[in-house]
Amino acid sequence: MPFCPKCKYEFTEGVKTCPDCGEKLVDTLNEDEIVDVKWVPVGTLKSSMYGDMARELLEKNDIPALVVTDFFHGALATSGTGLAGTFAKIYVPEGSVNKAREILKEHMDIDLS
């Protein structure tokens, strides 16, 4: 699993850059440097563009966030507002789920239930 050398968080495979600080992730850290974060889903949005907007909003509110998009957006590096079958799943640290949902519902007018 990749790690952020600055924040010391561990991320899922496929994440290349830390969403908190922008540092390029590394393959290993010293055992005493690892910070265990349990990433949990907050909800699914209808496109990668909405996912990026949600991540930016959460990070401005001091909540680290990961966005996982469908295969086609990831493979083709496309961005759209709602092609059929597209999605973006939002993940935040376990302790931030309720606050993240409140922020997203209030500012993006979306239903995450």
PDB file of N, CA and C in Angstrom:
ATOM      1  N   MET A   1       0.842  -1.186   0.000  1.00  0.00           N
ATOM      2  CA  MET A   1       0.000   0.000   0.000  1.00  0.00           C
ATOM      3  C   MET A   1       0.885   1.246   0.000  1.00  0.00           C
ATOM      4  N   PRO A   2       0.479   2.288  -0.734  1.00  0.00           N
ATOM      5  CA  PRO A   2       1.275   3.512  -0.754  1.00  0.00           C
ATOM      6  C   PRO A   2       1.029   4.376   0.491  1.00  0.00           C
ATOM      7  N   PHE A   3       2.032   5.182   0.823  1.00  0.00           N
ATOM      8  CA  PHE A   3       1.986   6.058   1.994  1.00  0.00           C
ATOM      9  C   PHE A   3       2.390   7.475   1.599  1.00  0.00           C
ATOM     10  N   CYS A   4       1.867   8.448   2.348  1.00  0.00           N
ATOM     11  CA  CYS A   4       2.302   9.830   2.176  1.00  0.00           C
ATOM     12  C   CYS A   4       3.519  10.053   3.069  1.00  0.00           C
ATOM     13  N   PRO A   5       4.643  10.486   2.502  1.00  0.00           N
ATOM     14  CA  PRO A   5       5.828  10.707   3.326  1.00  0.00           C
ATOM     15  C   PRO A   5       5.700  11.903   4.270  1.00  0.00           C
ATOM     16  N   LYS A   6       4.760  12.802   3.991  1.00  0.00           N
ATOM     17  CA  LYS A   6       4.572  13.988   4.831  1.00  0.00           C
ATOM     18  C   LYS A   6       3.505  13.758   5.904  1.00  0.00           C
ATOM     19  N   CYS A   7       2.306  13.307   5.497  1.00  0.00           N
ATOM     20  CA  CYS A   7       1.188  13.106   6.426  1.00  0.00           C
ATOM     21  C   CYS A   7       1.258  11.773   7.153  1.00  0.00           C
ATOM     22  N   LYS A   8       1.962  10.813   6.553  1.00  0.00           N
ATOM     23  CA  LYS A   8       2.142   9.466   7.109  1.00  0.00           C
ATOM     24  C   LYS A   8       0.905   8.594   7.001  1.00  0.00           C
ATOM     25  N   TYR A   9      -0.094   8.973   6.194  1.00  0.00           N
ATOM     26  CA  TYR A   9      -1.288   8.160   6.014  1.00  0.00           C
ATOM     27  C   TYR A   9      -1.034   7.066   4.985  1.00  0.00           C
ATOM     28  N   GLU A  10      -1.749   5.958   5.139  1.00  0.00           N
ATOM     29  CA  GLU A  10      -1.698   4.872   4.169  1.00  0.00           C
ATOM     30  C   GLU A  10      -2.918   4.984   3.265  1.00  0.00           C
ATOM     31  N   PHE A  11      -2.723   4.741   1.965  1.00  0.00           N
ATOM     32  CA  PHE A  11      -3.795   4.855   0.993  1.00  0.00           C
ATOM     33  C   PHE A  11      -3.991   3.541   0.251  1.00  0.00           C
ATOM     34  N   THR A  12      -5.124   3.423  -0.422  1.00  0.00           N
ATOM     35  CA  THR A  12      -5.405   2.219  -1.196  1.00  0.00           C
ATOM     36  C   THR A  12      -4.571   2.216  -2.470  1.00  0.00           C
ATOM     37  N   GLU A  13      -4.361   1.026  -3.010  1.00  0.00           N
ATOM     38  CA  GLU A  13      -3.614   0.892  -4.257  1.00  0.00           C
ATOM     39  C   GLU A  13      -4.267   1.746  -5.339  1.00  0.00           C
ATOM     40  N   GLY A  14      -3.467   2.329  -6.180  1.00  0.00           N
ATOM     41  CA  GLY A  14      -3.967   3.158  -7.265  1.00  0.00           C
ATOM     42  C   GLY A  14      -3.911   4.646  -6.972  1.00  0.00           C
ATOM     43  N   VAL A  15      -3.884   5.031  -5.694  1.00  0.00           N
ATOM     44  CA  VAL A  15      -3.764   6.445  -5.333  1.00  0.00           C
ATOM     45  C   VAL A  15      -2.290   6.812  -5.467  1.00  0.00           C
ATOM     46  N   LYS A  16      -2.000   7.873  -6.199  1.00  0.00           N
ATOM     47  CA  LYS A  16      -0.612   8.248  -6.484  1.00  0.00           C
ATOM     48  C   LYS A  16      -0.151   9.491  -5.726  1.00  0.00           C
ATOM     49  N   THR A  17      -1.109  10.347  -5.348  1.00  0.00           N
ATOM     50  CA  THR A  17      -0.786  11.614  -4.702  1.00  0.00           C
ATOM     51  C   THR A  17      -1.651  11.781  -3.462  1.00  0.00           C
ATOM     52  N   CYS A  18      -1.081  12.311  -2.399  1.00  0.00           N
ATOM     53  CA  CYS A  18      -1.825  12.527  -1.162  1.00  0.00           C
ATOM     54  C   CYS A  18      -2.892  13.602  -1.373  1.00  0.00           C
ATOM     55  N   PRO A  19      -4.166  13.296  -1.079  1.00  0.00           N
ATOM     56  CA  PRO A  19      -5.216  14.289  -1.249  1.00  0.00           C
ATOM     57  C   PRO A  19      -5.148  15.410  -0.211  1.00  0.00           C
ATOM     58  N   ASP A  20      -4.401  15.206   0.876  1.00  0.00           N
ATOM     59  CA  ASP A  20      -4.280  16.223   1.916  1.00  0.00           C
ATOM     60  C   ASP A  20      -3.244  17.276   1.572  1.00  0.00           C
ATOM     61  N   CYS A  21      -2.049  16.817   1.182  1.00  0.00           N
ATOM     62  CA  CYS A  21      -0.939  17.766   1.008  1.00  0.00           C
ATOM     63  C   CYS A  21      -0.373  17.812  -0.397  1.00  0.00           C
ATOM     64  N   GLY A  22      -0.779  16.888  -1.260  1.00  0.00           N
ATOM     65  CA  GLY A  22      -0.304  16.892  -2.640  1.00  0.00           C
ATOM     66  C   GLY A  22       1.022  16.190  -2.865  1.00  0.00           C
ATOM     67  N   GLU A  23       1.599  15.600  -1.822  1.00  0.00           N
ATOM     68  CA  GLU A  23       2.878  14.899  -1.959  1.00  0.00           C
ATOM     69  C   GLU A  23       2.696  13.616  -2.760  1.00  0.00           C
ATOM     70  N   LYS A  24       3.726  13.253  -3.520  1.00  0.00           N
ATOM     71  CA  LYS A  24       3.734  11.976  -4.233  1.00  0.00           C
ATOM     72  C   LYS A  24       3.896  10.863  -3.205  1.00  0.00           C
ATOM     73  N   LEU A  25       3.068   9.812  -3.318  1.00  0.00           N
ATOM     74  CA  LEU A  25       3.106   8.719  -2.352  1.00  0.00           C
ATOM     75  C   LEU A  25       4.311   7.817  -2.584  1.00  0.00           C
ATOM     76  N   VAL A  26       4.761   7.172  -1.501  1.00  0.00           N
ATOM     77  CA  VAL A  26       5.887   6.241  -1.552  1.00  0.00           C
ATOM     78  C   VAL A  26       5.394   4.849  -1.178  1.00  0.00           C
ATOM     79  N   ASP A  27       6.188   3.833  -1.510  1.00  0.00           N
ATOM     80  CA  ASP A  27       5.788   2.448  -1.265  1.00  0.00           C
ATOM     81  C   ASP A  27       5.884   2.036   0.197  1.00  0.00           C
ATOM     82  N   THR A  28       6.819   2.587   0.944  1.00  0.00           N
ATOM     83  CA  THR A  28       7.013   2.168   2.334  1.00  0.00           C
ATOM     84  C   THR A  28       7.382   3.349   3.225  1.00  0.00           C
ATOM     85  N   LEU A  29       7.087   3.181   4.498  1.00  0.00           N
ATOM     86  CA  LEU A  29       7.534   4.091   5.551  1.00  0.00           C
ATOM     87  C   LEU A  29       8.146   3.235   6.646  1.00  0.00           C
ATOM     88  N   ASN A  30       8.921   3.849   7.512  1.00  0.00           N
ATOM     89  CA  ASN A  30       9.388   3.123   8.687  1.00  0.00           C
ATOM     90  C   ASN A  30       8.180   2.754   9.532  1.00  0.00           C
ATOM     91  N   GLU A  31       8.229   1.612  10.178  1.00  0.00           N
ATOM     92  CA  GLU A  31       7.095   1.105  10.959  1.00  0.00           C
ATOM     93  C   GLU A  31       6.588   2.118  11.979  1.00  0.00           C
ATOM     94  N   ASP A  32       7.469   2.879  12.607  1.00  0.00           N
ATOM     95  CA  ASP A  32       7.049   3.845  13.626  1.00  0.00           C
ATOM     96  C   ASP A  32       6.454   5.117  13.028  1.00  0.00           C
ATOM     97  N   GLU A  33       6.488   5.275  11.707  1.00  0.00           N
ATOM     98  CA  GLU A  33       5.936   6.461  11.050  1.00  0.00           C
ATOM     99  C   GLU A  33       4.506   6.269  10.552  1.00  0.00           C
ATOM    100  N   ILE A  34       4.004   5.053  10.533  1.00  0.00           N
ATOM    101  CA  ILE A  34       2.704   4.758   9.929  1.00  0.00           C
ATOM    102  C   ILE A  34       1.553   5.218  10.826  1.00  0.00           C
ATOM    103  N   VAL A  35       0.595   5.927  10.234  1.00  0.00           N
ATOM    104  CA  VAL A  35      -0.628   6.339  10.907  1.00  0.00           C
ATOM    105  C   VAL A  35      -1.766   5.565  10.248  1.00  0.00           C
ATOM    106  N   ASP A  36      -2.477   4.770  11.022  1.00  0.00           N
ATOM    107  CA  ASP A  36      -3.541   3.937  10.475  1.00  0.00           C
ATOM    108  C   ASP A  36      -4.832   4.738  10.358  1.00  0.00           C
ATOM    109  N   VAL A  37      -5.335   4.858   9.142  1.00  0.00           N
ATOM    110  CA  VAL A  37      -6.590   5.566   8.885  1.00  0.00           C
ATOM    111  C   VAL A  37      -7.546   4.590   8.231  1.00  0.00           C
ATOM    112  N   LYS A  38      -8.746   4.473   8.774  1.00  0.00           N
ATOM    113  CA  LYS A  38      -9.764   3.638   8.151  1.00  0.00           C
ATOM    114  C   LYS A  38     -10.638   4.536   7.279  1.00  0.00           C
ATOM    115  N   TRP A  39     -10.526   4.349   5.965  1.00  0.00           N
ATOM    116  CA  TRP A  39     -11.307   5.134   5.009  1.00  0.00           C
ATOM    117  C   TRP A  39     -12.657   4.467   4.826  1.00  0.00           C
ATOM    118  N   VAL A  40     -13.717   5.247   4.954  1.00  0.00           N
ATOM    119  CA  VAL A  40     -15.067   4.710   4.799  1.00  0.00           C
ATOM    120  C   VAL A  40     -15.835   5.540   3.766  1.00  0.00           C
ATOM    121  N   PRO A  41     -16.766   4.908   3.055  1.00  0.00           N
ATOM    122  CA  PRO A  41     -17.510   5.643   2.036  1.00  0.00           C
ATOM    123  C   PRO A  41     -18.529   6.609   2.653  1.00  0.00           C
ATOM    124  N   VAL A  42     -18.627   7.766   2.043  1.00  0.00           N
ATOM    125  CA  VAL A  42     -19.613   8.768   2.446  1.00  0.00           C
ATOM    126  C   VAL A  42     -20.818   8.691   1.520  1.00  0.00           C
ATOM    127  N   GLY A  43     -20.556   8.442   0.253  1.00  0.00           N
ATOM    128  CA  GLY A  43     -21.633   8.357  -0.714  1.00  0.00           C
ATOM    129  C   GLY A  43     -21.104   8.252  -2.118  1.00  0.00           C
ATOM    130  N   THR A  44     -22.025   8.121  -3.058  1.00  0.00           N
ATOM    131  CA  THR A  44     -21.677   8.013  -4.475  1.00  0.00           C
ATOM    132  C   THR A  44     -22.329   9.160  -5.228  1.00  0.00           C
ATOM    133  N   LEU A  45     -21.533   9.838  -6.035  1.00  0.00           N
ATOM    134  CA  LEU A  45     -22.017  10.952  -6.847  1.00  0.00           C
ATOM    135  C   LEU A  45     -22.093  10.519  -8.301  1.00  0.00           C
ATOM    136  N   LYS A  46     -22.762  11.320  -9.121  1.00  0.00           N
ATOM    137  CA  LYS A  46     -23.044  10.880 -10.484  1.00  0.00           C
ATOM    138  C   LYS A  46     -21.924  11.105 -11.495  1.00  0.00           C
ATOM    139  N   SER A  47     -20.813  11.707 -11.108  1.00  0.00           N
ATOM    140  CA  SER A  47     -19.708  11.858 -12.052  1.00  0.00           C
ATOM    141  C   SER A  47     -18.418  12.218 -11.324  1.00  0.00           C
ATOM    142  N   SER A  48     -17.316  12.077 -12.044  1.00  0.00           N
ATOM    143  CA  SER A  48     -16.017  12.428 -11.461  1.00  0.00           C
ATOM    144  C   SER A  48     -15.910  13.925 -11.193  1.00  0.00           C
ATOM    145  N   MET A  49     -16.579  14.736 -11.992  1.00  0.00           N
ATOM    146  CA  MET A  49     -16.536  16.179 -11.771  1.00  0.00           C
ATOM    147  C   MET A  49     -17.170  16.530 -10.416  1.00  0.00           C
ATOM    148  N   TYR A  50     -18.315  15.917 -10.109  1.00  0.00           N
ATOM    149  CA  TYR A  50     -18.931  16.144  -8.806  1.00  0.00           C
ATOM    150  C   TYR A  50     -18.051  15.592  -7.691  1.00  0.00           C
ATOM    151  N   GLY A  51     -17.383  14.477  -7.952  1.00  0.00           N
ATOM    152  CA  GLY A  51     -16.462  13.913  -6.975  1.00  0.00           C
ATOM    153  C   GLY A  51     -15.321  14.868  -6.662  1.00  0.00           C
ATOM    154  N   ASP A  52     -14.757  15.487  -7.689  1.00  0.00           N
ATOM    155  CA  ASP A  52     -13.678  16.459  -7.486  1.00  0.00           C
ATOM    156  C   ASP A  52     -14.171  17.675  -6.709  1.00  0.00           C
ATOM    157  N   MET A  53     -15.381  18.129  -7.021  1.00  0.00           N
ATOM    158  CA  MET A  53     -15.948  19.269  -6.301  1.00  0.00           C
ATOM    159  C   MET A  53     -16.162  18.913  -4.828  1.00  0.00           C
ATOM    160  N   ALA A  54     -16.654  17.700  -4.568  1.00  0.00           N
ATOM    161  CA  ALA A  54     -16.897  17.262  -3.195  1.00  0.00           C
ATOM    162  C   ALA A  54     -15.577  17.163  -2.427  1.00  0.00           C
ATOM    163  N   ARG A  55     -14.548  16.590  -3.056  1.00  0.00           N
ATOM    164  CA  ARG A  55     -13.247  16.473  -2.398  1.00  0.00           C
ATOM    165  C   ARG A  55     -12.698  17.853  -2.031  1.00  0.00           C
ATOM    166  N   GLU A  56     -12.771  18.779  -2.966  1.00  0.00           N
ATOM    167  CA  GLU A  56     -12.266  20.131  -2.700  1.00  0.00           C
ATOM    168  C   GLU A  56     -13.030  20.790  -1.550  1.00  0.00           C
ATOM    169  N   LEU A  57     -14.337  20.637  -1.539  1.00  0.00           N
ATOM    170  CA  LEU A  57     -15.162  21.205  -0.473  1.00  0.00           C
ATOM    171  C   LEU A  57     -14.794  20.604   0.882  1.00  0.00           C
ATOM    172  N   LEU A  58     -14.643  19.286   0.940  1.00  0.00           N
ATOM    173  CA  LEU A  58     -14.293  18.627   2.200  1.00  0.00           C
ATOM    174  C   LEU A  58     -12.901  19.041   2.668  1.00  0.00           C
ATOM    175  N   GLU A  59     -11.946  19.098   1.757  1.00  0.00           N
ATOM    176  CA  GLU A  59     -10.593  19.481   2.150  1.00  0.00           C
ATOM    177  C   GLU A  59     -10.523  20.925   2.646  1.00  0.00           C
ATOM    178  N   LYS A  60     -11.356  21.804   2.096  1.00  0.00           N
ATOM    179  CA  LYS A  60     -11.419  23.183   2.591  1.00  0.00           C
ATOM    180  C   LYS A  60     -11.993  23.237   4.002  1.00  0.00           C
ATOM    181  N   ASN A  61     -12.692  22.171   4.392  1.00  0.00           N
ATOM    182  CA  ASN A  61     -13.241  22.061   5.743  1.00  0.00           C
ATOM    183  C   ASN A  61     -12.416  21.102   6.599  1.00  0.00           C
ATOM    184  N   ASP A  62     -11.155  20.925   6.227  1.00  0.00           N
ATOM    185  CA  ASP A  62     -10.182  20.111   6.979  1.00  0.00           C
ATOM    186  C   ASP A  62     -10.574  18.647   7.113  1.00  0.00           C
ATOM    187  N   ILE A  63     -11.225  18.108   6.089  1.00  0.00           N
ATOM    188  CA  ILE A  63     -11.554  16.681   6.062  1.00  0.00           C
ATOM    189  C   ILE A  63     -10.841  16.065   4.865  1.00  0.00           C
ATOM    190  N   PRO A  64      -9.866  15.187   5.104  1.00  0.00           N
ATOM    191  CA  PRO A  64      -9.223  14.502   3.978  1.00  0.00           C
ATOM    192  C   PRO A  64     -10.252  13.666   3.232  1.00  0.00           C
ATOM    193  N   ALA A  65     -10.148  13.590   1.923  1.00  0.00           N
ATOM    194  CA  ALA A  65     -11.118  12.837   1.131  1.00  0.00           C
ATOM    195  C   ALA A  65     -10.441  12.167  -0.050  1.00  0.00           C
ATOM    196  N   LEU A  66     -10.944  10.986  -0.382  1.00  0.00           N
ATOM    197  CA  LEU A  66     -10.507  10.255  -1.573  1.00  0.00           C
ATOM    198  C   LEU A  66     -11.700  10.126  -2.505  1.00  0.00           C
ATOM    199  N   VAL A  67     -11.442  10.191  -3.799  1.00  0.00           N
ATOM    200  CA  VAL A  67     -12.485   9.999  -4.797  1.00  0.00           C
ATOM    201  C   VAL A  67     -12.071   8.824  -5.671  1.00  0.00           C
ATOM    202  N   VAL A  68     -12.938   7.836  -5.760  1.00  0.00           N
ATOM    203  CA  VAL A  68     -12.709   6.681  -6.626  1.00  0.00           C
ATOM    204  C   VAL A  68     -13.763   6.738  -7.715  1.00  0.00           C
ATOM    205  N   THR A  69     -13.300   6.808  -8.979  1.00  0.00           N
ATOM    206  CA  THR A  69     -14.229   6.918 -10.102  1.00  0.00           C
ATOM    207  C   THR A  69     -14.363   5.585 -10.816  1.00  0.00           C
ATOM    208  N   ASP A  70     -15.355   5.519 -11.697  1.00  0.00           N
ATOM    209  CA  ASP A  70     -15.569   4.313 -12.490  1.00  0.00           C
ATOM    210  C   ASP A  70     -14.397   4.090 -13.434  1.00  0.00           C
ATOM    211  N   PHE A  71     -14.331   2.928 -14.003  1.00  0.00           N
ATOM    212  CA  PHE A  71     -13.228   2.542 -14.869  1.00  0.00           C
ATOM    213  C   PHE A  71     -13.020   3.506 -16.031  1.00  0.00           C
ATOM    214  N   PHE A  72     -14.085   3.894 -16.709  1.00  0.00           N
ATOM    215  CA  PHE A  72     -13.936   4.705 -17.915  1.00  0.00           C
ATOM    216  C   PHE A  72     -13.357   6.081 -17.627  1.00  0.00           C
ATOM    217  N   HIS A  73     -13.791   6.729 -16.527  1.00  0.00           N
ATOM    218  CA  HIS A  73     -13.213   8.026 -16.193  1.00  0.00           C
ATOM    219  C   HIS A  73     -11.748   7.887 -15.830  1.00  0.00           C
ATOM    220  N   GLY A  74     -11.434   6.855 -15.054  1.00  0.00           N
ATOM    221  CA  GLY A  74     -10.054   6.645 -14.648  1.00  0.00           C
ATOM    222  C   GLY A  74      -9.150   6.271 -15.802  1.00  0.00           C
ATOM    223  N   ALA A  75      -9.603   5.384 -16.669  1.00  0.00           N
ATOM    224  CA  ALA A  75      -8.790   4.897 -17.778  1.00  0.00           C
ATOM    225  C   ALA A  75      -8.642   5.940 -18.883  1.00  0.00           C
ATOM    226  N   LEU A  76      -9.688   6.684 -19.137  1.00  0.00           N
ATOM    227  CA  LEU A  76      -9.670   7.637 -20.240  1.00  0.00           C
ATOM    228  C   LEU A  76      -9.383   9.063 -19.804  1.00  0.00           C
ATOM    229  N   ALA A  77      -9.256   9.285 -18.491  1.00  0.00           N
ATOM    230  CA  ALA A  77      -8.997  10.622 -17.936  1.00  0.00           C
ATOM    231  C   ALA A  77     -10.020  11.633 -18.430  1.00  0.00           C
ATOM    232  N   THR A  78     -11.278  11.239 -18.423  1.00  0.00           N
ATOM    233  CA  THR A  78     -12.342  12.138 -18.866  1.00  0.00           C
ATOM    234  C   THR A  78     -13.053  12.733 -17.665  1.00  0.00           C
ATOM    235  N   SER A  79     -13.758  13.798 -17.911  1.00  0.00           N
ATOM    236  CA  SER A  79     -14.544  14.431 -16.862  1.00  0.00           C
ATOM    237  C   SER A  79     -15.868  14.872 -17.461  1.00  0.00           C
ATOM    238  N   GLY A  80     -16.937  14.523 -16.804  1.00  0.00           N
ATOM    239  CA  GLY A  80     -18.242  14.912 -17.310  1.00  0.00           C
ATOM    240  C   GLY A  80     -19.210  15.071 -16.170  1.00  0.00           C
ATOM    241  N   THR A  81     -20.401  15.508 -16.499  1.00  0.00           N
ATOM    242  CA  THR A  81     -21.372  15.755 -15.446  1.00  0.00           C
ATOM    243  C   THR A  81     -22.412  14.665 -15.312  1.00  0.00           C
ATOM    244  N   GLY A  82     -22.377  13.645 -16.131  1.00  0.00           N
ATOM    245  CA  GLY A  82     -23.383  12.616 -15.954  1.00  0.00           C
ATOM    246  C   GLY A  82     -23.546  11.659 -17.112  1.00  0.00           C
ATOM    247  N   LEU A  83     -22.464  11.147 -17.664  1.00  0.00           N
ATOM    248  CA  LEU A  83     -22.591  10.127 -18.689  1.00  0.00           C
ATOM    249  C   LEU A  83     -23.216   8.891 -18.065  1.00  0.00           C
ATOM    250  N   ALA A  84     -23.977   8.156 -18.834  1.00  0.00           N
ATOM    251  CA  ALA A  84     -24.651   6.967 -18.324  1.00  0.00           C
ATOM    252  C   ALA A  84     -23.637   5.986 -17.743  1.00  0.00           C
ATOM    253  N   GLY A  85     -23.901   5.518 -16.534  1.00  0.00           N
ATOM    254  CA  GLY A  85     -23.056   4.516 -15.900  1.00  0.00           C
ATOM    255  C   GLY A  85     -21.832   5.045 -15.185  1.00  0.00           C
ATOM    256  N   THR A  86     -21.653   6.351 -15.119  1.00  0.00           N
ATOM    257  CA  THR A  86     -20.473   6.906 -14.451  1.00  0.00           C
ATOM    258  C   THR A  86     -20.781   7.206 -12.997  1.00  0.00           C
ATOM    259  N   PHE A  87     -19.725   7.219 -12.183  1.00  0.00           N
ATOM    260  CA  PHE A  87     -19.909   7.515 -10.768  1.00  0.00           C
ATOM    261  C   PHE A  87     -18.590   7.946 -10.137  1.00  0.00           C
ATOM    262  N   ALA A  88     -18.682   8.512  -8.957  1.00  0.00           N
ATOM    263  CA  ALA A  88     -17.524   8.860  -8.138  1.00  0.00           C
ATOM    264  C   ALA A  88     -17.884   8.553  -6.696  1.00  0.00           C
ATOM    265  N   LYS A  89     -17.147   7.657  -6.072  1.00  0.00           N
ATOM    266  CA  LYS A  89     -17.370   7.324  -4.668  1.00  0.00           C
ATOM    267  C   LYS A  89     -16.436   8.175  -3.813  1.00  0.00           C
ATOM    268  N   ILE A  90     -17.001   8.758  -2.750  1.00  0.00           N
ATOM    269  CA  ILE A  90     -16.256   9.623  -1.846  1.00  0.00           C
ATOM    270  C   ILE A  90     -15.946   8.848  -0.567  1.00  0.00           C
ATOM    271  N   TYR A  91     -14.671   8.863  -0.146  1.00  0.00           N
ATOM    272  CA  TYR A  91     -14.232   8.221   1.089  1.00  0.00           C
ATOM    273  C   TYR A  91     -13.575   9.253   1.990  1.00  0.00           C
ATOM    274  N   VAL A  92     -13.845   9.152   3.303  1.00  0.00           N
ATOM    275  CA  VAL A  92     -13.226  10.020   4.300  1.00  0.00           C
ATOM    276  C   VAL A  92     -12.788   9.157   5.487  1.00  0.00           C
ATOM    277  N   PRO A  93     -11.906   9.686   6.343  1.00  0.00           N
ATOM    278  CA  PRO A  93     -11.555   8.928   7.549  1.00  0.00           C
ATOM    279  C   PRO A  93     -12.805   8.652   8.384  1.00  0.00           C
ATOM    280  N   GLU A  94     -12.810   7.495   9.038  1.00  0.00           N
ATOM    281  CA  GLU A  94     -13.989   7.016   9.762  1.00  0.00           C
ATOM    282  C   GLU A  94     -14.600   8.059  10.705  1.00  0.00           C
ATOM    283  N   GLY A  95     -13.802   8.798  11.416  1.00  0.00           N
ATOM    284  CA  GLY A  95     -14.313   9.768  12.377  1.00  0.00           C
ATOM    285  C   GLY A  95     -14.907  11.023  11.757  1.00  0.00           C
ATOM    286  N   SER A  96     -14.808  11.178  10.437  1.00  0.00           N
ATOM    287  CA  SER A  96     -15.287  12.387   9.766  1.00  0.00           C
ATOM    288  C   SER A  96     -16.544  12.183   8.932  1.00  0.00           C
ATOM    289  N   VAL A  97     -17.125  10.985   8.960  1.00  0.00           N
ATOM    290  CA  VAL A  97     -18.249  10.659   8.081  1.00  0.00           C
ATOM    291  C   VAL A  97     -19.445  11.578   8.293  1.00  0.00           C
ATOM    292  N   ASN A  98     -19.893  11.745   9.520  1.00  0.00           N
ATOM    293  CA  ASN A  98     -21.088  12.560   9.773  1.00  0.00           C
ATOM    294  C   ASN A  98     -20.881  14.016   9.371  1.00  0.00           C
ATOM    295  N   LYS A  99     -19.741  14.584   9.736  1.00  0.00           N
ATOM    296  CA  LYS A  99     -19.449  15.974   9.375  1.00  0.00           C
ATOM    297  C   LYS A  99     -19.362  16.117   7.857  1.00  0.00           C
ATOM    298  N   ALA A 100     -18.733  15.157   7.186  1.00  0.00           N
ATOM    299  CA  ALA A 100     -18.614  15.204   5.722  1.00  0.00           C
ATOM    300  C   ALA A 100     -19.987  15.159   5.063  1.00  0.00           C
ATOM    301  N   ARG A 101     -20.849  14.288   5.525  1.00  0.00           N
ATOM    302  CA  ARG A 101     -22.202  14.197   4.952  1.00  0.00           C
ATOM    303  C   ARG A 101     -22.970  15.494   5.141  1.00  0.00           C
ATOM    304  N   GLU A 102     -22.871  16.090   6.324  1.00  0.00           N
ATOM    305  CA  GLU A 102     -23.561  17.362   6.580  1.00  0.00           C
ATOM    306  C   GLU A 102     -23.075  18.442   5.624  1.00  0.00           C
ATOM    307  N   ILE A 103     -21.760  18.536   5.455  1.00  0.00           N
ATOM    308  CA  ILE A 103     -21.181  19.559   4.573  1.00  0.00           C
ATOM    309  C   ILE A 103     -21.631  19.347   3.136  1.00  0.00           C
ATOM    310  N   LEU A 104     -21.573  18.111   2.664  1.00  0.00           N
ATOM    311  CA  LEU A 104     -21.955  17.831   1.280  1.00  0.00           C
ATOM    312  C   LEU A 104     -23.434  18.069   1.038  1.00  0.00           C
ATOM    313  N   LYS A 105     -24.273  17.682   1.972  1.00  0.00           N
ATOM    314  CA  LYS A 105     -25.712  17.910   1.812  1.00  0.00           C
ATOM    315  C   LYS A 105     -26.032  19.399   1.800  1.00  0.00           C
ATOM    316  N   GLU A 106     -25.386  20.148   2.682  1.00  0.00           N
ATOM    317  CA  GLU A 106     -25.656  21.581   2.785  1.00  0.00           C
ATOM    318  C   GLU A 106     -25.159  22.366   1.583  1.00  0.00           C
ATOM    319  N   HIS A 107     -23.950  22.100   1.122  1.00  0.00           N
ATOM    320  CA  HIS A 107     -23.328  22.927   0.107  1.00  0.00           C
ATOM    321  C   HIS A 107     -23.489  22.423  -1.332  1.00  0.00           C
ATOM    322  N   MET A 108     -23.762  21.127  -1.483  1.00  0.00           N
ATOM    323  CA  MET A 108     -23.890  20.593  -2.847  1.00  0.00           C
ATOM    324  C   MET A 108     -25.310  20.146  -3.150  1.00  0.00           C
ATOM    325  N   ASP A 109     -26.186  20.208  -2.158  1.00  0.00           N
ATOM    326  CA  ASP A 109     -27.592  19.852  -2.363  1.00  0.00           C
ATOM    327  C   ASP A 109     -27.733  18.459  -2.996  1.00  0.00           C
ATOM    328  N   ILE A 110     -27.060  17.469  -2.357  1.00  0.00           N
ATOM    329  CA  ILE A 110     -27.127  16.097  -2.857  1.00  0.00           C
ATOM    330  C   ILE A 110     -27.602  15.180  -1.737  1.00  0.00           C
ATOM    331  N   ASP A 111     -28.185  14.074  -2.128  1.00  0.00           N
ATOM    332  CA  ASP A 111     -28.661  13.083  -1.167  1.00  0.00           C
ATOM    333  C   ASP A 111     -27.658  11.943  -1.111  1.00  0.00           C
ATOM    334  N   LEU A 112     -27.058  11.721   0.049  1.00  0.00           N
ATOM    335  CA  LEU A 112     -26.043  10.685   0.205  1.00  0.00           C
ATOM    336  C   LEU A 112     -26.555   9.477   0.950  1.00  0.00           C
ATOM    337  N   SER A 113     -27.853   9.335   1.109  1.00  0.00           N
ATOM    338  CA  SER A 113     -28.392   8.194   1.866  1.00  0.00           C
ATOM    339  C   SER A 113     -28.329   6.915   1.068  1.00  0.00           C
TER     340      SER A 113
END
